[in-house]
Amino acid sequence: MNTLVQRTANAAKWSALDVFMRQGVQFAVSIVLARILTPEDFGVVAMLALFMAVGTVFIDGGLSSALIQRQNITHTDESTAFFTNLGMGAVSGMLLCIAAPWISSFLRQPVLQYLSYAMAFGLFVGAFGSIHTALLYKEMNFKLTAKVGVVSSVVGGALAIYMASQGYGVWSLVAHTVTSGLVNVLLLWIWHPWRPAWRFSVASLRSLFRFGGYEMASTLLDAFANNLYSILIGKMHSVRDVGLFNRARNTQLMPVMLMMSIAQRVAYSAFSSVAGDKARLVRGLRQAQAIAMFIYIPVMVCVIVLAEPLVLTLFGEQWVPCVPMLQVLGFGGILWPLHILNLNVLKAQGYSDLKFRIEVIKKIMAISLTIVASYYGVMAIAWTQVVLSICGYFVNTHYTNVLLAYSGLDQLRDLATNFVAVIPMAVAVYLMTELMQTLPIIELIVAGAVGCGVYLLTCRVLCAELLQESLCVAGILTRPVQT
């Protein structure tokens, strides 16, 4: 096994551990909080998501991605990026504080003014750890990110649960976010040796921003489009609807985040290291997509088919109205791993300008359709995500075809077996849910287990090699993966 494969496989294992532990803790905390708090509590905080996301993007400015993408960076580059992020953190926090009274008045929620002040502090604190995190990603040192992520998630989650149980309501959710961020930064500074030098180079900033500026602009558009729903639903419908839609969206995103937090961090670094060899890049993309979809599609199918027992088991009866939203959003999320992997190929080759053009096209569509759909109700916004996913996939793969001669249709043909293999599983899970009339948790476990067994048997017949390769990457088998 060559050095790149060994390094990538090791990074993938630690990245997987980091993601599963961190996301697992956060999801467990959200389950407990969902049973204590109300959809209205979650809805109020969700209405700040747009402002927090935009502020986070401004703080980083795309400089972290530039540091990861560049093969030769200096301490001056790193220090310049750090002080720039710190300054942007202060500016973003101040702007959010200034805008807090307007946000509260516009959304007719007085408590948002004071919540905004707390979240602004969290934005500024987060800026202190951005370069440490970027360097860990560049080094593929996910062992340390796993330690930091788990500890910060546990501390923040424990405080949030305590506060919720004591009747602090929405403030427990804010405490969760701010405390987790603060502990994360403290641990990065304690456990990672990097320290900034008292140097700032305008030339270095220009060089980094030449790549990172496009990344910042595209990420900013993404943050705006992905969180606009919270403002529109809150303004045109109700805070409860915001909470329900946000719960459905976060539940649907869980498999995506688990899969793509691993793949994106590892794939971007791995793709960057072979960016000059187009043949290897295509092979790497094809392999990454096949393995990612092998794991991701059956999980998403289970989320769609088992949505009701899943929601009842995890969150309780007060969240049942979000089930139809979850099912529709699940359909919309089927192609997401392919979106992200194609965009990482462009980033790895240094084409941040092309990625920006793609994001502009997609986000204009997303913002326009979401605004129009908001007049027709929350479910219309959910169905908009399905349309945007299909259109966005072919926009994302356009430049992959231009640069690597690997089109969106070619990619779907290569993944045909993945899609066919999940059909018997979907049928089996659906029939089990129709036949069983029992407790939701039993229905969830039994139907899920039957579906998993049917899927593995189908894969053994249709795609035995892919099954074995995926198990090797997961560490279940020990045969080395060939590239």
Protein backbone atom coordinates (compact mmCIF):
# COMPACT_ATOMS: atom_id res chain seq x y z
CA MET A 1 0.00 0.00 0.00
CA ASN A 2 1.56 3.32 -1.01
CA THR A 3 2.22 6.15 1.44
CA LEU A 4 -0.69 8.28 0.26
CA VAL A 5 -3.17 5.42 0.67
CA GLN A 6 -1.80 4.57 4.13
CA ARG A 7 -1.93 8.18 5.23
CA THR A 8 -5.40 8.71 3.79
CA ALA A 9 -6.75 5.47 5.30
CA ASN A 10 -5.37 6.38 8.72
CA ALA A 11 -6.76 9.89 8.43
CA ALA A 12 -10.13 8.48 7.37
CA LYS A 13 -10.30 6.26 10.45
CA TRP A 14 -9.49 9.09 12.85
CA SER A 15 -11.76 11.48 10.97
CA ALA A 16 -14.55 8.89 11.23
CA LEU A 17 -13.95 8.54 14.96
CA ASP A 18 -13.94 12.30 15.38
CA VAL A 19 -17.15 12.76 13.43
CA PHE A 20 -19.04 9.84 14.96
CA MET A 21 -18.08 10.76 18.51
CA ARG A 22 -18.59 14.50 18.14
CA GLN A 23 -21.79 14.24 16.09
CA GLY A 24 -22.94 11.35 18.27
CA VAL A 25 -22.59 13.41 21.43
CA GLN A 26 -24.26 16.42 19.86
CA PHE A 27 -27.11 14.31 18.51
CA ALA A 28 -27.60 12.62 21.87
CA VAL A 29 -27.72 16.04 23.53
CA SER A 30 -30.25 17.26 20.96
CA ILE A 31 -32.45 14.23 21.68
CA VAL A 32 -32.48 14.98 25.41
CA LEU A 33 -33.10 18.68 24.83
CA ALA A 34 -35.90 17.94 22.34
CA ARG A 35 -37.74 16.01 25.05
CA ILE A 36 -37.35 18.85 27.58
CA LEU A 37 -37.79 21.92 25.42
CA THR A 38 -40.46 22.84 22.86
CA PRO A 39 -40.36 23.33 19.07
CA GLU A 40 -40.82 27.05 19.78
CA ASP A 41 -37.57 27.14 21.80
CA PHE A 42 -35.64 25.54 18.96
CA GLY A 43 -37.38 27.79 16.45
CA VAL A 44 -36.26 30.98 18.18
CA VAL A 45 -32.59 29.96 18.10
CA ALA A 46 -32.90 28.67 14.54
CA MET A 47 -33.91 32.14 13.41
CA LEU A 48 -30.40 33.31 14.33
CA ALA A 49 -28.78 30.59 12.21
CA LEU A 50 -28.53 32.80 9.13
CA PHE A 51 -26.69 35.58 10.98
CA MET A 52 -24.37 33.13 12.73
CA ALA A 53 -23.54 31.32 9.51
CA VAL A 54 -22.77 34.56 7.65
CA GLY A 55 -20.63 35.80 10.53
CA THR A 56 -18.65 32.54 10.65
CA VAL A 57 -17.91 32.77 6.92
CA PHE A 58 -16.73 36.38 7.23
CA ILE A 59 -14.42 35.48 10.09
CA ASP A 60 -12.60 32.81 8.14
CA GLY A 61 -12.62 34.67 4.84
CA GLY A 62 -11.69 31.50 2.98
CA LEU A 63 -8.16 31.73 4.37
CA SER A 64 -8.31 28.35 6.08
CA SER A 65 -9.12 26.65 2.79
CA ALA A 66 -6.26 28.53 1.14
CA LEU A 67 -3.84 27.30 3.83
CA ILE A 68 -4.98 23.70 3.32
CA GLN A 69 -4.84 23.91 -0.48
CA ARG A 70 -1.35 25.44 -0.67
CA GLN A 71 1.50 22.95 -0.52
CA ASN A 72 4.12 25.46 0.69
CA ILE A 73 3.04 27.92 3.37
CA THR A 74 5.14 29.94 5.80
CA HIS A 75 4.67 30.93 9.42
CA THR A 76 4.04 34.46 8.16
CA ASP A 77 1.17 33.16 6.01
CA GLU A 78 -0.35 31.39 9.01
CA SER A 79 0.09 34.39 11.35
CA THR A 80 -1.37 36.77 8.77
CA ALA A 81 -4.42 34.54 8.39
CA PHE A 82 -4.79 34.32 12.18
CA PHE A 83 -4.77 38.07 12.82
CA THR A 84 -7.07 38.65 9.86
CA ASN A 85 -9.55 36.11 11.23
CA LEU A 86 -9.31 37.68 14.68
CA GLY A 87 -10.05 41.14 13.32
CA MET A 88 -12.97 39.84 11.27
CA GLY A 89 -14.26 38.05 14.37
CA ALA A 90 -14.36 41.32 16.27
CA VAL A 91 -16.07 43.13 13.39
CA SER A 92 -18.64 40.33 12.87
CA GLY A 93 -19.46 40.25 16.59
CA MET A 94 -19.90 44.02 16.73
CA LEU A 95 -22.12 44.06 13.65
CA LEU A 96 -24.35 41.35 15.11
CA CYS A 97 -24.67 43.34 18.35
CA ILE A 98 -25.55 46.49 16.42
CA ALA A 99 -28.12 44.58 14.36
CA ALA A 100 -29.63 42.80 17.39
CA PRO A 101 -32.46 45.29 18.07
CA TRP A 102 -33.46 45.27 14.38
CA ILE A 103 -33.41 41.45 14.23
CA SER A 104 -35.63 41.29 17.31
CA SER A 105 -38.09 43.83 15.92
CA PHE A 106 -38.20 42.37 12.38
CA LEU A 107 -38.91 38.83 13.59
CA ARG A 108 -41.19 39.98 16.43
CA GLN A 109 -39.21 38.08 19.07
CA PRO A 110 -37.88 40.38 21.84
CA VAL A 111 -35.63 37.69 23.30
CA LEU A 112 -33.62 37.58 20.06
CA GLN A 113 -31.90 40.84 20.95
CA TYR A 114 -30.23 39.35 24.03
CA LEU A 115 -29.61 36.00 22.37
CA SER A 116 -27.79 37.86 19.59
CA TYR A 117 -25.41 39.46 22.10
CA ALA A 118 -24.49 36.04 23.48
CA MET A 119 -24.01 34.52 20.03
CA ALA A 120 -21.87 37.50 18.96
CA PHE A 121 -19.49 36.67 21.80
CA GLY A 122 -19.38 33.08 20.56
CA LEU A 123 -18.48 34.28 17.05
CA PHE A 124 -15.51 36.28 18.34
CA VAL A 125 -14.23 33.44 20.51
CA GLY A 126 -14.40 30.98 17.61
CA ALA A 127 -11.97 33.12 15.58
CA PHE A 128 -9.13 32.22 17.97
CA GLY A 129 -9.18 28.56 16.89
CA SER A 130 -9.69 28.77 13.12
CA ILE A 131 -6.03 28.49 12.09
CA HIS A 132 -5.31 25.66 14.53
CA THR A 133 -8.18 23.73 12.99
CA ALA A 134 -7.02 24.44 9.44
CA LEU A 135 -3.50 23.22 10.21
CA LEU A 136 -4.84 20.03 11.79
CA TYR A 137 -6.89 19.36 8.66
CA LYS A 138 -3.88 20.04 6.44
CA GLU A 139 -1.80 17.60 8.49
CA MET A 140 -4.73 15.11 8.51
CA ASN A 141 -4.26 15.03 12.27
CA PHE A 142 -7.83 14.01 13.04
CA LYS A 143 -6.77 12.23 16.22
CA LEU A 144 -6.38 15.57 17.95
CA THR A 145 -9.53 17.04 16.42
CA ALA A 146 -11.39 14.00 17.75
CA LYS A 147 -10.18 14.63 21.31
CA VAL A 148 -10.96 18.33 21.15
CA GLY A 149 -14.36 17.83 19.53
CA VAL A 150 -15.58 15.18 21.95
CA VAL A 151 -14.54 17.02 25.10
CA SER A 152 -16.04 20.33 23.95
CA SER A 153 -19.28 18.63 22.88
CA VAL A 154 -19.62 16.78 26.20
CA VAL A 155 -18.99 19.91 28.30
CA GLY A 156 -21.33 22.11 26.25
CA GLY A 157 -23.99 19.41 26.10
CA ALA A 158 -23.91 18.70 29.82
CA LEU A 159 -24.35 22.38 30.63
CA ALA A 160 -27.23 22.70 28.15
CA ILE A 161 -29.08 19.70 29.57
CA TYR A 162 -28.65 20.98 33.13
CA MET A 163 -29.93 24.44 32.19
CA ALA A 164 -32.88 23.00 30.26
CA SER A 165 -33.86 20.82 33.22
CA GLN A 166 -33.76 23.91 35.45
CA GLY A 167 -36.18 25.81 33.23
CA TYR A 168 -33.81 28.12 31.33
CA GLY A 169 -35.55 27.26 28.06
CA VAL A 170 -34.04 28.82 24.97
CA TRP A 171 -30.97 30.01 26.87
CA SER A 172 -29.86 26.42 27.35
CA LEU A 173 -29.50 26.11 23.56
CA VAL A 174 -27.40 29.28 23.36
CA ALA A 175 -25.26 28.10 26.28
CA HIS A 176 -24.64 24.86 24.40
CA THR A 177 -23.31 26.66 21.33
CA VAL A 178 -21.19 29.26 23.16
CA THR A 179 -19.72 26.88 25.75
CA SER A 180 -18.80 24.23 23.18
CA GLY A 181 -17.03 26.84 21.08
CA LEU A 182 -15.15 28.27 24.05
CA VAL A 183 -13.94 24.87 25.27
CA ASN A 184 -12.98 23.92 21.71
CA VAL A 185 -10.73 26.97 21.37
CA LEU A 186 -9.15 26.49 24.81
CA LEU A 187 -8.26 22.87 24.08
CA LEU A 188 -6.81 23.72 20.67
CA TRP A 189 -4.45 26.22 22.29
CA ILE A 190 -3.53 23.81 25.08
CA TRP A 191 -2.99 20.68 22.97
CA HIS A 192 -1.64 22.11 19.71
CA PRO A 193 1.83 23.75 19.66
CA TRP A 194 1.13 26.33 16.95
CA ARG A 195 1.38 29.97 18.04
CA PRO A 196 1.17 33.07 15.83
CA ALA A 197 4.22 35.22 15.25
CA TRP A 198 3.84 38.97 15.65
CA ARG A 199 4.03 39.42 11.90
CA PHE A 200 1.49 40.55 9.32
CA SER A 201 2.12 40.54 5.59
CA VAL A 202 -0.17 42.37 3.18
CA ALA A 203 1.42 40.45 0.30
CA SER A 204 0.67 37.15 2.06
CA LEU A 205 -2.93 38.20 2.70
CA ARG A 206 -3.40 39.11 -0.95
CA SER A 207 -1.95 35.81 -2.06
CA LEU A 208 -4.14 33.77 0.29
CA PHE A 209 -7.23 35.81 -0.46
CA ARG A 210 -6.74 35.32 -4.20
CA PHE A 211 -7.84 31.73 -3.59
CA GLY A 212 -9.71 32.18 -0.33
CA GLY A 213 -11.76 35.15 -1.54
CA TYR A 214 -13.65 33.02 -4.02
CA GLU A 215 -14.06 30.35 -1.36
CA MET A 216 -15.43 32.92 1.08
CA ALA A 217 -17.89 34.30 -1.47
CA SER A 218 -19.17 30.85 -2.46
CA THR A 219 -19.43 29.74 1.17
CA LEU A 220 -21.23 32.97 2.03
CA LEU A 221 -23.80 32.32 -0.69
CA ASP A 222 -24.18 28.76 0.57
CA ALA A 223 -24.69 29.91 4.16
CA PHE A 224 -27.26 32.48 3.09
CA ALA A 225 -29.24 30.09 0.89
CA ASN A 226 -29.15 27.21 3.38
CA ASN A 227 -30.40 29.31 6.31
CA LEU A 228 -32.79 31.68 4.59
CA TYR A 229 -35.69 29.31 5.34
CA SER A 230 -35.50 30.09 9.07
CA ILE A 231 -36.13 33.80 8.45
CA LEU A 232 -38.86 33.24 5.86
CA ILE A 233 -40.75 30.64 7.90
CA GLY A 234 -40.40 32.67 11.08
CA LYS A 235 -41.58 35.87 9.41
CA MET A 236 -44.38 34.43 7.25
CA HIS A 237 -45.58 31.49 9.35
CA SER A 238 -44.68 30.73 12.99
CA VAL A 239 -41.79 30.09 15.35
CA ARG A 240 -43.15 26.58 15.91
CA ASP A 241 -42.94 25.87 12.18
CA VAL A 242 -39.32 27.04 12.22
CA GLY A 243 -38.56 24.60 15.02
CA LEU A 244 -40.30 21.69 13.28
CA PHE A 245 -38.65 22.34 9.92
CA ASN A 246 -35.27 22.79 11.59
CA ARG A 247 -35.70 19.48 13.46
CA ALA A 248 -36.56 17.67 10.20
CA ARG A 249 -33.65 19.29 8.40
CA ASN A 250 -31.11 18.53 11.14
CA THR A 251 -32.29 14.91 11.34
CA GLN A 252 -32.01 14.53 7.56
CA LEU A 253 -28.60 16.20 7.63
CA MET A 254 -27.22 13.84 10.26
CA PRO A 255 -26.27 11.06 7.78
CA VAL A 256 -24.93 13.72 5.42
CA MET A 257 -22.81 15.32 8.10
CA LEU A 258 -21.52 12.01 9.39
CA MET A 259 -20.55 10.88 5.90
CA MET A 260 -19.34 14.12 4.42
CA SER A 261 -17.52 15.47 7.47
CA ILE A 262 -15.30 12.41 7.05
CA ALA A 263 -15.12 12.43 3.27
CA GLN A 264 -14.74 16.17 2.79
CA ARG A 265 -11.87 16.61 5.19
CA VAL A 266 -9.99 13.57 3.93
CA ALA A 267 -10.93 13.88 0.26
CA TYR A 268 -9.94 17.53 -0.03
CA SER A 269 -6.48 16.88 1.39
CA ALA A 270 -6.07 13.67 -0.63
CA PHE A 271 -7.38 15.23 -3.87
CA SER A 272 -5.07 18.22 -3.37
CA SER A 273 -2.04 15.93 -3.14
CA VAL A 274 -2.73 14.41 -6.61
CA ALA A 275 -4.31 17.48 -8.21
CA GLY A 276 -1.77 17.45 -11.05
CA ASP A 277 -2.57 13.88 -12.15
CA LYS A 278 -6.02 13.91 -13.75
CA ALA A 279 -6.20 10.15 -14.21
CA ARG A 280 -5.53 9.52 -10.51
CA LEU A 281 -7.94 12.27 -9.60
CA VAL A 282 -10.77 10.66 -11.59
CA ARG A 283 -10.00 7.25 -10.07
CA GLY A 284 -10.00 8.78 -6.62
CA LEU A 285 -13.31 10.56 -7.23
CA ARG A 286 -14.92 7.41 -8.64
CA GLN A 287 -13.76 5.33 -5.68
CA ALA A 288 -14.77 7.95 -3.10
CA GLN A 289 -18.24 8.27 -4.62
CA ALA A 290 -18.84 4.53 -4.80
CA ILE A 291 -17.87 3.95 -1.18
CA ALA A 292 -19.65 7.04 0.13
CA MET A 293 -22.91 6.17 -1.64
CA PHE A 294 -22.63 2.49 -0.65
CA ILE A 295 -22.90 3.57 2.98
CA TYR A 296 -25.02 6.69 2.61
CA ILE A 297 -27.93 5.61 0.36
CA PRO A 298 -29.27 2.79 2.61
CA VAL A 299 -29.08 5.05 5.65
CA MET A 300 -31.04 7.78 3.89
CA VAL A 301 -33.62 5.27 2.62
CA CYS A 302 -34.16 4.11 6.21
CA VAL A 303 -34.61 7.73 7.32
CA ILE A 304 -37.27 8.24 4.64
CA VAL A 305 -39.21 5.00 5.15
CA LEU A 306 -38.86 4.89 8.95
CA ALA A 307 -39.37 8.61 9.53
CA GLU A 308 -42.34 8.31 11.87
CA PRO A 309 -41.00 5.65 14.27
CA LEU A 310 -37.63 7.42 14.14
CA VAL A 311 -39.11 10.75 15.23
CA LEU A 312 -41.31 9.15 17.88
CA THR A 313 -38.44 7.14 19.31
CA LEU A 314 -35.90 9.95 19.39
CA PHE A 315 -37.85 13.14 20.01
CA GLY A 316 -41.36 12.28 21.17
CA GLU A 317 -44.91 12.98 20.02
CA GLN A 318 -44.59 16.78 20.00
CA TRP A 319 -42.29 16.45 16.97
CA VAL A 320 -44.51 14.15 14.85
CA PRO A 321 -45.67 17.04 12.59
CA CYS A 322 -42.12 17.23 11.19
CA VAL A 323 -42.32 13.67 9.74
CA PRO A 324 -43.57 14.66 6.24
CA MET A 325 -40.90 17.38 6.08
CA LEU A 326 -38.23 14.84 7.01
CA GLN A 327 -39.32 12.42 4.30
CA VAL A 328 -39.31 15.05 1.55
CA LEU A 329 -35.97 16.47 2.68
CA GLY A 330 -34.62 12.92 2.68
CA PHE A 331 -35.39 12.60 -1.02
CA GLY A 332 -33.71 15.93 -1.61
CA GLY A 333 -30.56 14.78 0.16
CA ILE A 334 -29.93 11.55 -1.78
CA LEU A 335 -27.34 13.14 -4.12
CA TRP A 336 -25.58 15.37 -1.58
CA PRO A 337 -22.37 13.32 -1.25
CA LEU A 338 -21.89 13.63 -5.02
CA HIS A 339 -22.37 17.39 -4.83
CA ILE A 340 -19.71 17.77 -2.18
CA LEU A 341 -17.13 15.41 -3.70
CA ASN A 342 -17.35 17.10 -7.10
CA LEU A 343 -16.85 20.51 -5.53
CA ASN A 344 -13.85 19.22 -3.56
CA VAL A 345 -12.23 18.08 -6.80
CA LEU A 346 -12.49 21.63 -8.13
CA LYS A 347 -11.12 23.11 -4.90
CA ALA A 348 -8.24 20.62 -4.85
CA GLN A 349 -7.20 21.74 -8.34
CA GLY A 350 -7.20 25.37 -7.25
CA TYR A 351 -10.30 26.33 -9.26
CA SER A 352 -11.96 28.29 -6.51
CA ASP A 353 -13.18 30.80 -9.11
CA LEU A 354 -15.07 28.06 -10.94
CA LYS A 355 -16.51 26.81 -7.67
CA PHE A 356 -17.66 30.36 -7.02
CA ARG A 357 -19.43 30.55 -10.39
CA ILE A 358 -21.17 27.28 -9.64
CA GLU A 359 -22.28 28.52 -6.23
CA VAL A 360 -23.60 31.76 -7.71
CA ILE A 361 -25.77 29.86 -10.19
CA LYS A 362 -27.05 27.39 -7.60
CA LYS A 363 -27.71 29.93 -4.89
CA ILE A 364 -29.57 32.34 -7.15
CA MET A 365 -31.85 29.41 -7.97
CA ALA A 366 -32.08 28.38 -4.31
CA ILE A 367 -32.85 31.84 -2.95
CA SER A 368 -35.41 32.59 -5.68
CA LEU A 369 -37.25 29.27 -5.35
CA THR A 370 -37.21 29.36 -1.53
CA ILE A 371 -38.70 32.86 -1.46
CA VAL A 372 -41.45 31.85 -3.90
CA ALA A 373 -42.13 28.57 -2.05
CA SER A 374 -42.44 30.35 1.30
CA TYR A 375 -45.75 31.84 0.11
CA TYR A 376 -47.16 28.32 -0.30
CA GLY A 377 -46.19 26.87 3.06
CA VAL A 378 -43.45 24.92 4.80
CA MET A 379 -43.92 21.75 2.73
CA ALA A 380 -43.43 23.76 -0.45
CA ILE A 381 -40.04 24.86 0.90
CA ALA A 382 -39.18 21.22 1.57
CA TRP A 383 -40.09 20.16 -1.99
CA THR A 384 -37.96 23.02 -3.29
CA GLN A 385 -34.94 21.23 -1.82
CA VAL A 386 -35.64 18.19 -4.03
CA VAL A 387 -35.73 20.33 -7.17
CA LEU A 388 -32.59 22.21 -6.16
CA SER A 389 -30.70 19.00 -5.43
CA ILE A 390 -31.34 17.56 -8.90
CA CYS A 391 -30.55 20.81 -10.72
CA GLY A 392 -27.56 21.51 -8.50
CA TYR A 393 -26.02 18.11 -9.18
CA PHE A 394 -25.76 18.75 -12.92
CA VAL A 395 -24.43 22.26 -12.29
CA ASN A 396 -21.76 20.85 -9.95
CA THR A 397 -20.64 18.18 -12.39
CA HIS A 398 -20.41 20.49 -15.41
CA TYR A 399 -16.82 21.54 -14.73
CA THR A 400 -15.84 18.03 -13.66
CA ASN A 401 -16.79 17.07 -17.19
CA VAL A 402 -14.93 20.04 -18.73
CA LEU A 403 -11.72 19.54 -16.72
CA LEU A 404 -11.62 15.76 -16.23
CA ALA A 405 -13.97 14.46 -18.96
CA TYR A 406 -16.10 12.80 -16.28
CA SER A 407 -19.69 14.01 -16.66
CA GLY A 408 -22.62 13.86 -14.28
CA LEU A 409 -24.30 11.19 -16.38
CA ASP A 410 -21.08 9.14 -16.43
CA GLN A 411 -20.94 9.35 -12.66
CA LEU A 412 -24.55 8.22 -12.29
CA ARG A 413 -23.90 5.31 -14.67
CA ASP A 414 -20.92 4.26 -12.55
CA LEU A 415 -23.16 4.40 -9.47
CA ALA A 416 -26.10 2.56 -11.03
CA THR A 417 -25.35 -0.57 -9.03
CA ASN A 418 -25.43 1.45 -5.81
CA PHE A 419 -28.92 2.73 -6.59
CA VAL A 420 -30.27 -0.64 -7.78
CA ALA A 421 -28.93 -2.48 -4.72
CA VAL A 422 -30.99 -0.36 -2.33
CA ILE A 423 -34.39 -1.09 -3.98
CA PRO A 424 -34.97 -4.53 -2.37
CA MET A 425 -34.00 -3.02 0.97
CA ALA A 426 -36.51 -0.16 0.61
CA VAL A 427 -39.28 -2.63 -0.24
CA ALA A 428 -38.40 -4.89 2.71
CA VAL A 429 -38.33 -2.02 5.20
CA TYR A 430 -41.64 -0.64 3.94
CA LEU A 431 -43.35 -4.04 4.19
CA MET A 432 -42.04 -4.54 7.71
CA THR A 433 -43.46 -1.19 8.83
CA GLU A 434 -46.82 -2.08 7.30
CA LEU A 435 -46.92 -5.52 8.93
CA MET A 436 -45.78 -4.54 12.42
CA GLN A 437 -48.12 -2.82 14.85
CA THR A 438 -45.90 -2.37 17.88
CA LEU A 439 -43.84 0.17 19.79
CA PRO A 440 -41.96 2.64 17.55
CA ILE A 441 -38.57 1.65 18.91
CA ILE A 442 -39.18 -2.05 18.19
CA GLU A 443 -40.46 -1.22 14.73
CA LEU A 444 -37.38 0.90 14.11
CA ILE A 445 -34.92 -1.76 15.26
CA VAL A 446 -36.57 -4.76 13.57
CA ALA A 447 -37.30 -3.05 10.24
CA GLY A 448 -33.85 -1.48 10.20
CA ALA A 449 -32.13 -4.81 10.89
CA VAL A 450 -34.14 -6.62 8.21
CA GLY A 451 -33.38 -3.86 5.73
CA CYS A 452 -29.67 -3.98 6.52
CA GLY A 453 -29.59 -7.74 6.01
CA VAL A 454 -31.43 -7.54 2.69
CA TYR A 455 -29.09 -4.76 1.51
CA LEU A 456 -25.91 -6.68 2.34
CA LEU A 457 -27.22 -9.82 0.63
CA THR A 458 -28.18 -7.82 -2.46
CA CYS A 459 -24.75 -6.17 -2.55
CA ARG A 460 -23.04 -9.52 -2.23
CA VAL A 461 -24.82 -10.60 -5.41
CA LEU A 462 -24.64 -7.37 -7.42
CA CYS A 463 -21.44 -5.68 -6.24
CA ALA A 464 -19.30 -8.01 -4.15
CA GLU A 465 -16.09 -6.12 -4.92
CA LEU A 466 -17.56 -2.79 -3.81
CA LEU A 467 -18.91 -4.43 -0.66
CA GLN A 468 -15.48 -5.82 0.21
CA GLU A 469 -13.74 -2.53 -0.58
CA SER A 470 -16.14 -0.56 1.60
CA LEU A 471 -15.67 -2.96 4.50
CA CYS A 472 -11.90 -2.60 4.12
CA VAL A 473 -12.11 1.18 4.28
CA ALA A 474 -14.33 0.87 7.36
CA GLY A 475 -11.70 -1.36 8.97
CA ILE A 476 -13.98 -4.39 9.20
CA LEU A 477 -11.81 -6.33 6.75
CA THR A 478 -8.04 -6.10 6.56
CA ARG A 479 -7.40 -6.60 2.82
CA PRO A 480 -5.61 -3.47 1.59
CA VAL A 481 -7.54 -1.23 -0.79
CA GLN A 482 -5.92 -1.05 -4.20
CA THR A 483 -5.67 2.25 -6.08
